[in-house]
Amino acid sequence: VFLAAIIGTSFDRTPFSEIAHRLGRPVSIVIGIVFFLITSC
């Protein structure tokens, strides 16, 4: 949780925007969809 606080205060972009910028939007979408499915299930 403390690590997440460091990340959240260190980037101007949101976490998935940062991932999409560096690794591409498809990678960001895959992680986001899996994330959503986990919480929904």
ModelCIF file with pLDDT and N, C-alpha, C, O atoms, coordinates in Angstrom:
data_MODEL
#
_entry.id   MODEL 
#
_entity.id                         1 
_entity.type                       polymer 
_entity.pdbx_number_of_molecules   1 
#
_entity_poly.entity_id                      1 
_entity_poly.type                           'polypeptide(L)' 
_entity_poly.nstd_linkage                   no 
_entity_poly.nstd_monomer                   no 
_entity_poly.pdbx_seq_one_letter_code       VFLAAIIGTSFDRTPFSEIAHRLGRPVSIVIGIVFFLITSC 
_entity_poly.pdbx_seq_one_letter_code_can   VFLAAIIGTSFDRTPFSEIAHRLGRPVSIVIGIVFFLITSC 
_entity_poly.pdbx_strand_id                 A 
#
loop_
_entity_poly_seq.entity_id 
_entity_poly_seq.num 
_entity_poly_seq.mon_id 
_entity_poly_seq.hetero 
1 1  VAL n 
1 2  PHE n 
1 3  LEU n 
1 4  ALA n 
1 5  ALA n 
1 6  ILE n 
1 7  ILE n 
1 8  GLY n 
1 9  THR n 
1 10 SER n 
1 11 PHE n 
1 12 ASP n 
1 13 ARG n 
1 14 THR n 
1 15 PRO n 
1 16 PHE n 
1 17 SER n 
1 18 GLU n 
1 19 ILE n 
1 20 ALA n 
1 21 HIS n 
1 22 ARG n 
1 23 LEU n 
1 24 GLY n 
1 25 ARG n 
1 26 PRO n 
1 27 VAL n 
1 28 SER n 
1 29 ILE n 
1 30 VAL n 
1 31 ILE n 
1 32 GLY n 
1 33 ILE n 
1 34 VAL n 
1 35 PHE n 
1 36 PHE n 
1 37 LEU n 
1 38 ILE n 
1 39 THR n 
1 40 SER n 
1 41 CYS n 
#
_struct_asym.id          A 
_struct_asym.entity_id   1 
#
loop_
_ma_qa_metric.id 
_ma_qa_metric.mode 
_ma_qa_metric.name 
_ma_qa_metric.software_group_id 
_ma_qa_metric.type 
1 global pLDDT . pLDDT 
2 local  pLDDT . pLDDT 
#
_ma_qa_metric_global.metric_id      1 
_ma_qa_metric_global.metric_value   89.00 
_ma_qa_metric_global.model_id       1 
_ma_qa_metric_global.ordinal_id     1 
#
loop_
_ma_qa_metric_local.label_asym_id 
_ma_qa_metric_local.label_comp_id 
_ma_qa_metric_local.label_seq_id 
_ma_qa_metric_local.metric_id 
_ma_qa_metric_local.metric_value 
_ma_qa_metric_local.model_id 
_ma_qa_metric_local.ordinal_id 
A VAL 1  2 86.00 1 1  
A PHE 2  2 87.00 1 2  
A LEU 3  2 90.00 1 3  
A ALA 4  2 89.00 1 4  
A ALA 5  2 86.00 1 5  
A ILE 6  2 89.00 1 6  
A ILE 7  2 91.00 1 7  
A GLY 8  2 88.00 1 8  
A THR 9  2 87.00 1 9  
A SER 10 2 87.00 1 10 
A PHE 11 2 88.00 1 11 
A ASP 12 2 86.00 1 12 
A ARG 13 2 89.00 1 13 
A THR 14 2 90.00 1 14 
A PRO 15 2 91.00 1 15 
A PHE 16 2 93.00 1 16 
A SER 17 2 92.00 1 17 
A GLU 18 2 92.00 1 18 
A ILE 19 2 93.00 1 19 
A ALA 20 2 93.00 1 20 
A HIS 21 2 92.00 1 21 
A ARG 22 2 91.00 1 22 
A LEU 23 2 92.00 1 23 
A GLY 24 2 92.00 1 24 
A ARG 25 2 93.00 1 25 
A PRO 26 2 94.00 1 26 
A VAL 27 2 93.00 1 27 
A SER 28 2 93.00 1 28 
A ILE 29 2 94.00 1 29 
A VAL 30 2 92.00 1 30 
A ILE 31 2 91.00 1 31 
A GLY 32 2 91.00 1 32 
A ILE 33 2 91.00 1 33 
A VAL 34 2 86.00 1 34 
A PHE 35 2 87.00 1 35 
A PHE 36 2 89.00 1 36 
A LEU 37 2 83.00 1 37 
A ILE 38 2 80.00 1 38 
A THR 39 2 82.00 1 39 
A SER 40 2 80.00 1 40 
A CYS 41 2 76.00 1 41 
#
loop_
_atom_site.group_PDB 
_atom_site.id 
_atom_site.type_symbol 
_atom_site.label_atom_id 
_atom_site.label_alt_id 
_atom_site.label_comp_id 
_atom_site.label_asym_id 
_atom_site.label_entity_id 
_atom_site.label_seq_id 
_atom_site.pdbx_PDB_ins_code 
_atom_site.Cartn_x 
_atom_site.Cartn_y 
_atom_site.Cartn_z 
_atom_site.occupancy 
_atom_site.B_iso_or_equiv 
_atom_site.pdbx_formal_charge 
_atom_site.auth_seq_id 
_atom_site.auth_comp_id 
_atom_site.auth_asym_id 
_atom_site.auth_atom_id 
_atom_site.pdbx_PDB_model_num 
ATOM 1   N N  . VAL A 1 1  ? 0.841   -1.202  0.000   1.00 86.00 ? 1  VAL A N  1 
ATOM 2   C CA . VAL A 1 1  ? 0.000   0.000   0.000   1.00 86.00 ? 1  VAL A CA 1 
ATOM 3   C C  . VAL A 1 1  ? 0.874   1.249   0.000   1.00 86.00 ? 1  VAL A C  1 
ATOM 4   O O  . VAL A 1 1  ? 0.572   2.224   -0.689  1.00 86.00 ? 1  VAL A O  1 
ATOM 5   N N  . PHE A 1 2  ? 1.961   1.218   0.777   1.00 87.00 ? 2  PHE A N  1 
ATOM 6   C CA . PHE A 1 2  ? 2.880   2.359   0.781   1.00 87.00 ? 2  PHE A CA 1 
ATOM 7   C C  . PHE A 1 2  ? 3.555   2.511   -0.584  1.00 87.00 ? 2  PHE A C  1 
ATOM 8   O O  . PHE A 1 2  ? 3.739   3.628   -1.067  1.00 87.00 ? 2  PHE A O  1 
ATOM 9   N N  . LEU A 1 3  ? 3.922   1.388   -1.204  1.00 90.00 ? 3  LEU A N  1 
ATOM 10  C CA . LEU A 1 3  ? 4.484   1.428   -2.557  1.00 90.00 ? 3  LEU A CA 1 
ATOM 11  C C  . LEU A 1 3  ? 3.509   2.099   -3.516  1.00 90.00 ? 3  LEU A C  1 
ATOM 12  O O  . LEU A 1 3  ? 3.910   2.925   -4.335  1.00 90.00 ? 3  LEU A O  1 
ATOM 13  N N  . ALA A 1 4  ? 2.231   1.745   -3.416  1.00 89.00 ? 4  ALA A N  1 
ATOM 14  C CA . ALA A 1 4  ? 1.224   2.349   -4.291  1.00 89.00 ? 4  ALA A CA 1 
ATOM 15  C C  . ALA A 1 4  ? 1.121   3.852   -4.045  1.00 89.00 ? 4  ALA A C  1 
ATOM 16  O O  . ALA A 1 4  ? 0.905   4.620   -4.982  1.00 89.00 ? 4  ALA A O  1 
ATOM 17  N N  . ALA A 1 5  ? 1.275   4.277   -2.787  1.00 86.00 ? 5  ALA A N  1 
ATOM 18  C CA . ALA A 1 5  ? 1.244   5.713   -2.497  1.00 86.00 ? 5  ALA A CA 1 
ATOM 19  C C  . ALA A 1 5  ? 2.421   6.430   -3.146  1.00 86.00 ? 5  ALA A C  1 
ATOM 20  O O  . ALA A 1 5  ? 2.270   7.543   -3.649  1.00 86.00 ? 5  ALA A O  1 
ATOM 21  N N  . ILE A 1 6  ? 3.599   5.795   -3.137  1.00 89.00 ? 6  ILE A N  1 
ATOM 22  C CA . ILE A 1 6  ? 4.770   6.384   -3.800  1.00 89.00 ? 6  ILE A CA 1 
ATOM 23  C C  . ILE A 1 6  ? 4.516   6.521   -5.294  1.00 89.00 ? 6  ILE A C  1 
ATOM 24  O O  . ILE A 1 6  ? 4.797   7.564   -5.885  1.00 89.00 ? 6  ILE A O  1 
ATOM 25  N N  . ILE A 1 7  ? 3.977   5.455   -5.910  1.00 91.00 ? 7  ILE A N  1 
ATOM 26  C CA . ILE A 1 7  ? 3.700   5.496   -7.352  1.00 91.00 ? 7  ILE A CA 1 
ATOM 27  C C  . ILE A 1 7  ? 2.664   6.569   -7.669  1.00 91.00 ? 7  ILE A C  1 
ATOM 28  O O  . ILE A 1 7  ? 2.804   7.318   -8.636  1.00 91.00 ? 7  ILE A O  1 
ATOM 29  N N  . GLY A 1 8  ? 1.619   6.634   -6.840  1.00 88.00 ? 8  GLY A N  1 
ATOM 30  C CA . GLY A 1 8  ? 0.547   7.591   -7.094  1.00 88.00 ? 8  GLY A CA 1 
ATOM 31  C C  . GLY A 1 8  ? 0.967   9.039   -6.995  1.00 88.00 ? 8  GLY A C  1 
ATOM 32  O O  . GLY A 1 8  ? 0.361   9.907   -7.623  1.00 88.00 ? 8  GLY A O  1 
ATOM 33  N N  . THR A 1 9  ? 2.006   9.314   -6.208  1.00 87.00 ? 9  THR A N  1 
ATOM 34  C CA . THR A 1 9  ? 2.479   10.694  -6.052  1.00 87.00 ? 9  THR A CA 1 
ATOM 35  C C  . THR A 1 9  ? 3.689   11.013  -6.922  1.00 87.00 ? 9  THR A C  1 
ATOM 36  O O  . THR A 1 9  ? 4.243   12.108  -6.832  1.00 87.00 ? 9  THR A O  1 
ATOM 37  N N  . SER A 1 10 ? 4.106   10.066  -7.766  1.00 87.00 ? 10 SER A N  1 
ATOM 38  C CA . SER A 1 10 ? 5.349   10.254  -8.524  1.00 87.00 ? 10 SER A CA 1 
ATOM 39  C C  . SER A 1 10 ? 5.145   10.484  -10.013 1.00 87.00 ? 10 SER A C  1 
ATOM 40  O O  . SER A 1 10 ? 6.057   10.959  -10.689 1.00 87.00 ? 10 SER A O  1 
ATOM 41  N N  . PHE A 1 11 ? 3.966   10.157  -10.539 1.00 88.00 ? 11 PHE A N  1 
ATOM 42  C CA . PHE A 1 11 ? 3.735   10.288  -11.977 1.00 88.00 ? 11 PHE A CA 1 
ATOM 43  C C  . PHE A 1 11 ? 2.641   11.315  -12.246 1.00 88.00 ? 11 PHE A C  1 
ATOM 44  O O  . PHE A 1 11 ? 1.672   11.430  -11.496 1.00 88.00 ? 11 PHE A O  1 
ATOM 45  N N  . ASP A 1 12 ? 2.819   12.052  -13.327 1.00 86.00 ? 12 ASP A N  1 
ATOM 46  C CA . ASP A 1 12 ? 1.768   12.969  -13.750 1.00 86.00 ? 12 ASP A CA 1 
ATOM 47  C C  . ASP A 1 12 ? 0.613   12.197  -14.387 1.00 86.00 ? 12 ASP A C  1 
ATOM 48  O O  . ASP A 1 12 ? -0.551  12.570  -14.244 1.00 86.00 ? 12 ASP A O  1 
ATOM 49  N N  . ARG A 1 13 ? 0.951   11.123  -15.088 1.00 89.00 ? 13 ARG A N  1 
ATOM 50  C CA . ARG A 1 13 ? -0.079  10.305  -15.721 1.00 89.00 ? 13 ARG A CA 1 
ATOM 51  C C  . ARG A 1 13 ? -0.678  9.323   -14.709 1.00 89.00 ? 13 ARG A C  1 
ATOM 52  O O  . ARG A 1 13 ? -0.083  9.038   -13.670 1.00 89.00 ? 13 ARG A O  1 
ATOM 53  N N  . THR A 1 14 ? -1.867  8.817   -15.039 1.00 90.00 ? 14 THR A N  1 
ATOM 54  C CA . THR A 1 14 ? -2.467  7.740   -14.248 1.00 90.00 ? 14 THR A CA 1 
ATOM 55  C C  . THR A 1 14 ? -1.698  6.447   -14.508 1.00 90.00 ? 14 THR A C  1 
ATOM 56  O O  . THR A 1 14 ? -0.968  6.366   -15.496 1.00 90.00 ? 14 THR A O  1 
ATOM 57  N N  . PRO A 1 15 ? -1.839  5.427   -13.646 1.00 91.00 ? 15 PRO A N  1 
ATOM 58  C CA . PRO A 1 15 ? -1.009  4.220   -13.812 1.00 91.00 ? 15 PRO A CA 1 
ATOM 59  C C  . PRO A 1 15 ? -1.172  3.527   -15.157 1.00 91.00 ? 15 PRO A C  1 
ATOM 60  O O  . PRO A 1 15 ? -0.174  3.158   -15.776 1.00 91.00 ? 15 PRO A O  1 
ATOM 61  N N  . PHE A 1 16 ? -2.406  3.341   -15.627 1.00 93.00 ? 16 PHE A N  1 
ATOM 62  C CA . PHE A 1 16 ? -2.584  2.657   -16.903 1.00 93.00 ? 16 PHE A CA 1 
ATOM 63  C C  . PHE A 1 16 ? -2.222  3.545   -18.091 1.00 93.00 ? 16 PHE A C  1 
ATOM 64  O O  . PHE A 1 16 ? -1.833  3.046   -19.147 1.00 93.00 ? 16 PHE A O  1 
ATOM 65  N N  . SER A 1 17 ? -2.347  4.851   -17.920 1.00 92.00 ? 17 SER A N  1 
ATOM 66  C CA . SER A 1 17 ? -1.866  5.767   -18.967 1.00 92.00 ? 17 SER A CA 1 
ATOM 67  C C  . SER A 1 17 ? -0.351  5.682   -19.081 1.00 92.00 ? 17 SER A C  1 
ATOM 68  O O  . SER A 1 17 ? 0.198   5.752   -20.180 1.00 92.00 ? 17 SER A O  1 
ATOM 69  N N  . GLU A 1 18 ? 0.321   5.532   -17.952 1.00 92.00 ? 18 GLU A N  1 
ATOM 70  C CA . GLU A 1 18 ? 1.779   5.390   -17.946 1.00 92.00 ? 18 GLU A CA 1 
ATOM 71  C C  . GLU A 1 18 ? 2.180   4.072   -18.613 1.00 92.00 ? 18 GLU A C  1 
ATOM 72  O O  . GLU A 1 18 ? 3.135   4.025   -19.389 1.00 92.00 ? 18 GLU A O  1 
ATOM 73  N N  . ILE A 1 19 ? 1.445   3.006   -18.303 1.00 93.00 ? 19 ILE A N  1 
ATOM 74  C CA . ILE A 1 19 ? 1.729   1.706   -18.918 1.00 93.00 ? 19 ILE A CA 1 
ATOM 75  C C  . ILE A 1 19 ? 1.475   1.759   -20.418 1.00 93.00 ? 19 ILE A C  1 
ATOM 76  O O  . ILE A 1 19 ? 2.269   1.238   -21.202 1.00 93.00 ? 19 ILE A O  1 
ATOM 77  N N  . ALA A 1 20 ? 0.369   2.386   -20.821 1.00 93.00 ? 20 ALA A N  1 
ATOM 78  C CA . ALA A 1 20 ? 0.048   2.496   -22.252 1.00 93.00 ? 20 ALA A CA 1 
ATOM 79  C C  . ALA A 1 20 ? 1.092   3.323   -22.984 1.00 93.00 ? 20 ALA A C  1 
ATOM 80  O O  . ALA A 1 20 ? 1.445   3.014   -24.122 1.00 93.00 ? 20 ALA A O  1 
ATOM 81  N N  . HIS A 1 21 ? 1.587   4.373   -22.338 1.00 92.00 ? 21 HIS A N  1 
ATOM 82  C CA . HIS A 1 21 ? 2.600   5.241   -22.959 1.00 92.00 ? 21 HIS A CA 1 
ATOM 83  C C  . HIS A 1 21 ? 3.900   4.480   -23.198 1.00 92.00 ? 21 HIS A C  1 
ATOM 84  O O  . HIS A 1 21 ? 4.575   4.699   -24.203 1.00 92.00 ? 21 HIS A O  1 
ATOM 85  N N  . ARG A 1 22 ? 4.252   3.582   -22.270 1.00 91.00 ? 22 ARG A N  1 
ATOM 86  C CA . ARG A 1 22 ? 5.552   2.908   -22.344 1.00 91.00 ? 22 ARG A CA 1 
ATOM 87  C C  . ARG A 1 22 ? 5.477   1.524   -22.996 1.00 91.00 ? 22 ARG A C  1 
ATOM 88  O O  . ARG A 1 22 ? 6.429   1.094   -23.648 1.00 91.00 ? 22 ARG A O  1 
ATOM 89  N N  . LEU A 1 23 ? 4.350   0.826   -22.821 1.00 92.00 ? 23 LEU A N  1 
ATOM 90  C CA . LEU A 1 23 ? 4.237   -0.537  -23.349 1.00 92.00 ? 23 LEU A CA 1 
ATOM 91  C C  . LEU A 1 23 ? 3.184   -0.685  -24.439 1.00 92.00 ? 23 LEU A C  1 
ATOM 92  O O  . LEU A 1 23 ? 3.118   -1.720  -25.103 1.00 92.00 ? 23 LEU A O  1 
ATOM 93  N N  . GLY A 1 24 ? 2.364   0.339   -24.627 1.00 92.00 ? 24 GLY A N  1 
ATOM 94  C CA . GLY A 1 24 ? 1.329   0.279   -25.644 1.00 92.00 ? 24 GLY A CA 1 
ATOM 95  C C  . GLY A 1 24 ? -0.057  0.121   -25.034 1.00 92.00 ? 24 GLY A C  1 
ATOM 96  O O  . GLY A 1 24 ? -0.215  -0.483  -23.973 1.00 92.00 ? 24 GLY A O  1 
ATOM 97  N N  . ARG A 1 25 ? -1.063  0.672   -25.719 1.00 93.00 ? 25 ARG A N  1 
ATOM 98  C CA . ARG A 1 25 ? -2.423  0.603   -25.222 1.00 93.00 ? 25 ARG A CA 1 
ATOM 99  C C  . ARG A 1 25 ? -2.952  -0.833  -25.114 1.00 93.00 ? 25 ARG A C  1 
ATOM 100 O O  . ARG A 1 25 ? -3.667  -1.123  -24.155 1.00 93.00 ? 25 ARG A O  1 
ATOM 101 N N  . PRO A 1 26 ? -2.636  -1.763  -26.059 1.00 94.00 ? 26 PRO A N  1 
ATOM 102 C CA . PRO A 1 26 ? -3.155  -3.130  -25.909 1.00 94.00 ? 26 PRO A CA 1 
ATOM 103 C C  . PRO A 1 26 ? -2.766  -3.789  -24.591 1.00 94.00 ? 26 PRO A C  1 
ATOM 104 O O  . PRO A 1 26 ? -3.580  -4.486  -23.985 1.00 94.00 ? 26 PRO A O  1 
ATOM 105 N N  . VAL A 1 27 ? -1.525  -3.576  -24.139 1.00 93.00 ? 27 VAL A N  1 
ATOM 106 C CA . VAL A 1 27 ? -1.097  -4.148  -22.851 1.00 93.00 ? 27 VAL A CA 1 
ATOM 107 C C  . VAL A 1 27 ? -1.934  -3.567  -21.721 1.00 93.00 ? 27 VAL A C  1 
ATOM 108 O O  . VAL A 1 27 ? -2.380  -4.286  -20.827 1.00 93.00 ? 27 VAL A O  1 
ATOM 109 N N  . SER A 1 28 ? -2.139  -2.258  -21.775 1.00 93.00 ? 28 SER A N  1 
ATOM 110 C CA . SER A 1 28 ? -2.945  -1.584  -20.761 1.00 93.00 ? 28 SER A CA 1 
ATOM 111 C C  . SER A 1 28 ? -4.362  -2.140  -20.735 1.00 93.00 ? 28 SER A C  1 
ATOM 112 O O  . SER A 1 28 ? -4.906  -2.386  -19.659 1.00 93.00 ? 28 SER A O  1 
ATOM 113 N N  . ILE A 1 29 ? -4.962  -2.340  -21.893 1.00 94.00 ? 29 ILE A N  1 
ATOM 114 C CA . ILE A 1 29 ? -6.343  -2.819  -21.971 1.00 94.00 ? 29 ILE A CA 1 
ATOM 115 C C  . ILE A 1 29 ? -6.472  -4.240  -21.432 1.00 94.00 ? 29 ILE A C  1 
ATOM 116 O O  . ILE A 1 29 ? -7.423  -4.554  -20.716 1.00 94.00 ? 29 ILE A O  1 
ATOM 117 N N  . VAL A 1 30 ? -5.511  -5.098  -21.779 1.00 92.00 ? 30 VAL A N  1 
ATOM 118 C CA . VAL A 1 30 ? -5.562  -6.491  -21.301 1.00 92.00 ? 30 VAL A CA 1 
ATOM 119 C C  . VAL A 1 30 ? -5.546  -6.534  -19.776 1.00 92.00 ? 30 VAL A C  1 
ATOM 120 O O  . VAL A 1 30 ? -6.356  -7.230  -19.163 1.00 92.00 ? 30 VAL A O  1 
ATOM 121 N N  . ILE A 1 31 ? -4.622  -5.789  -19.164 1.00 91.00 ? 31 ILE A N  1 
ATOM 122 C CA . ILE A 1 31 ? -4.536  -5.778  -17.697 1.00 91.00 ? 31 ILE A CA 1 
ATOM 123 C C  . ILE A 1 31 ? -5.804  -5.192  -17.098 1.00 91.00 ? 31 ILE A C  1 
ATOM 124 O O  . ILE A 1 31 ? -6.314  -5.693  -16.096 1.00 91.00 ? 31 ILE A O  1 
ATOM 125 N N  . GLY A 1 32 ? -6.316  -4.123  -17.716 1.00 91.00 ? 32 GLY A N  1 
ATOM 126 C CA . GLY A 1 32 ? -7.526  -3.484  -17.206 1.00 91.00 ? 32 GLY A CA 1 
ATOM 127 C C  . GLY A 1 32 ? -8.745  -4.388  -17.278 1.00 91.00 ? 32 GLY A C  1 
ATOM 128 O O  . GLY A 1 32 ? -9.552  -4.412  -16.349 1.00 91.00 ? 32 GLY A O  1 
ATOM 129 N N  . ILE A 1 33 ? -8.891  -5.136  -18.373 1.00 91.00 ? 33 ILE A N  1 
ATOM 130 C CA . ILE A 1 33 ? -10.031 -6.047  -18.521 1.00 91.00 ? 33 ILE A CA 1 
ATOM 131 C C  . ILE A 1 33 ? -9.962  -7.174  -17.490 1.00 91.00 ? 33 ILE A C  1 
ATOM 132 O O  . ILE A 1 33 ? -10.964 -7.518  -16.864 1.00 91.00 ? 33 ILE A O  1 
ATOM 133 N N  . VAL A 1 34 ? -8.763  -7.744  -17.323 1.00 86.00 ? 34 VAL A N  1 
ATOM 134 C CA . VAL A 1 34 ? -8.601  -8.813  -16.328 1.00 86.00 ? 34 VAL A CA 1 
ATOM 135 C C  . VAL A 1 34 ? -8.914  -8.276  -14.925 1.00 86.00 ? 34 VAL A C  1 
ATOM 136 O O  . VAL A 1 34 ? -9.568  -8.945  -14.125 1.00 86.00 ? 34 VAL A O  1 
ATOM 137 N N  . PHE A 1 35 ? -8.445  -7.082  -14.649 1.00 87.00 ? 35 PHE A N  1 
ATOM 138 C CA . PHE A 1 35 ? -8.712  -6.424  -13.373 1.00 87.00 ? 35 PHE A CA 1 
ATOM 139 C C  . PHE A 1 35 ? -10.225 -6.311  -13.150 1.00 87.00 ? 35 PHE A C  1 
ATOM 140 O O  . PHE A 1 35 ? -10.728 -6.663  -12.083 1.00 87.00 ? 35 PHE A O  1 
ATOM 141 N N  . PHE A 1 36 ? -10.938 -5.824  -14.155 1.00 89.00 ? 36 PHE A N  1 
ATOM 142 C CA . PHE A 1 36 ? -12.391 -5.634  -14.046 1.00 89.00 ? 36 PHE A CA 1 
ATOM 143 C C  . PHE A 1 36 ? -13.110 -6.970  -13.864 1.00 89.00 ? 36 PHE A C  1 
ATOM 144 O O  . PHE A 1 36 ? -14.042 -7.069  -13.065 1.00 89.00 ? 36 PHE A O  1 
ATOM 145 N N  . LEU A 1 37 ? -12.685 -7.989  -14.598 1.00 83.00 ? 37 LEU A N  1 
ATOM 146 C CA . LEU A 1 37 ? -13.328 -9.298  -14.494 1.00 83.00 ? 37 LEU A CA 1 
ATOM 147 C C  . LEU A 1 37 ? -13.130 -9.916  -13.112 1.00 83.00 ? 37 LEU A C  1 
ATOM 148 O O  . LEU A 1 37 ? -14.039 -10.542 -12.567 1.00 83.00 ? 37 LEU A O  1 
ATOM 149 N N  . ILE A 1 38 ? -11.937 -9.734  -12.551 1.00 80.00 ? 38 ILE A N  1 
ATOM 150 C CA . ILE A 1 38 ? -11.678 -10.258 -11.202 1.00 80.00 ? 38 ILE A CA 1 
ATOM 151 C C  . ILE A 1 38 ? -12.647 -9.642  -10.201 1.00 80.00 ? 38 ILE A C  1 
ATOM 152 O O  . ILE A 1 38 ? -13.295 -10.353 -9.433  1.00 80.00 ? 38 ILE A O  1 
ATOM 153 N N  . THR A 1 39 ? -12.742 -8.313  -10.215 1.00 82.00 ? 39 THR A N  1 
ATOM 154 C CA . THR A 1 39 ? -13.620 -7.638  -9.249  1.00 82.00 ? 39 THR A CA 1 
ATOM 155 C C  . THR A 1 39 ? -15.083 -7.979  -9.498  1.00 82.00 ? 39 THR A C  1 
ATOM 156 O O  . THR A 1 39 ? -15.859 -8.115  -8.553  1.00 82.00 ? 39 THR A O  1 
ATOM 157 N N  . SER A 1 40 ? -15.460 -8.115  -10.757 1.00 80.00 ? 40 SER A N  1 
ATOM 158 C CA . SER A 1 40 ? -16.854 -8.445  -11.072 1.00 80.00 ? 40 SER A CA 1 
ATOM 159 C C  . SER A 1 40 ? -17.219 -9.845  -10.616 1.00 80.00 ? 40 SER A C  1 
ATOM 160 O O  . SER A 1 40 ? -18.315 -10.071 -10.104 1.00 80.00 ? 40 SER A O  1 
ATOM 161 N N  . CYS A 1 41 ? -16.296 -10.794 -10.802 1.00 76.00 ? 41 CYS A N  1 
ATOM 162 C CA . CYS A 1 41 ? -16.574 -12.170 -10.403 1.00 76.00 ? 41 CYS A CA 1 
ATOM 163 C C  . CYS A 1 41 ? -16.734 -12.294 -8.893  1.00 76.00 ? 41 CYS A C  1 
ATOM 164 O O  . CYS A 1 41 ? -16.972 -13.390 -8.386  1.00 76.00 ? 41 CYS A O  1 
#
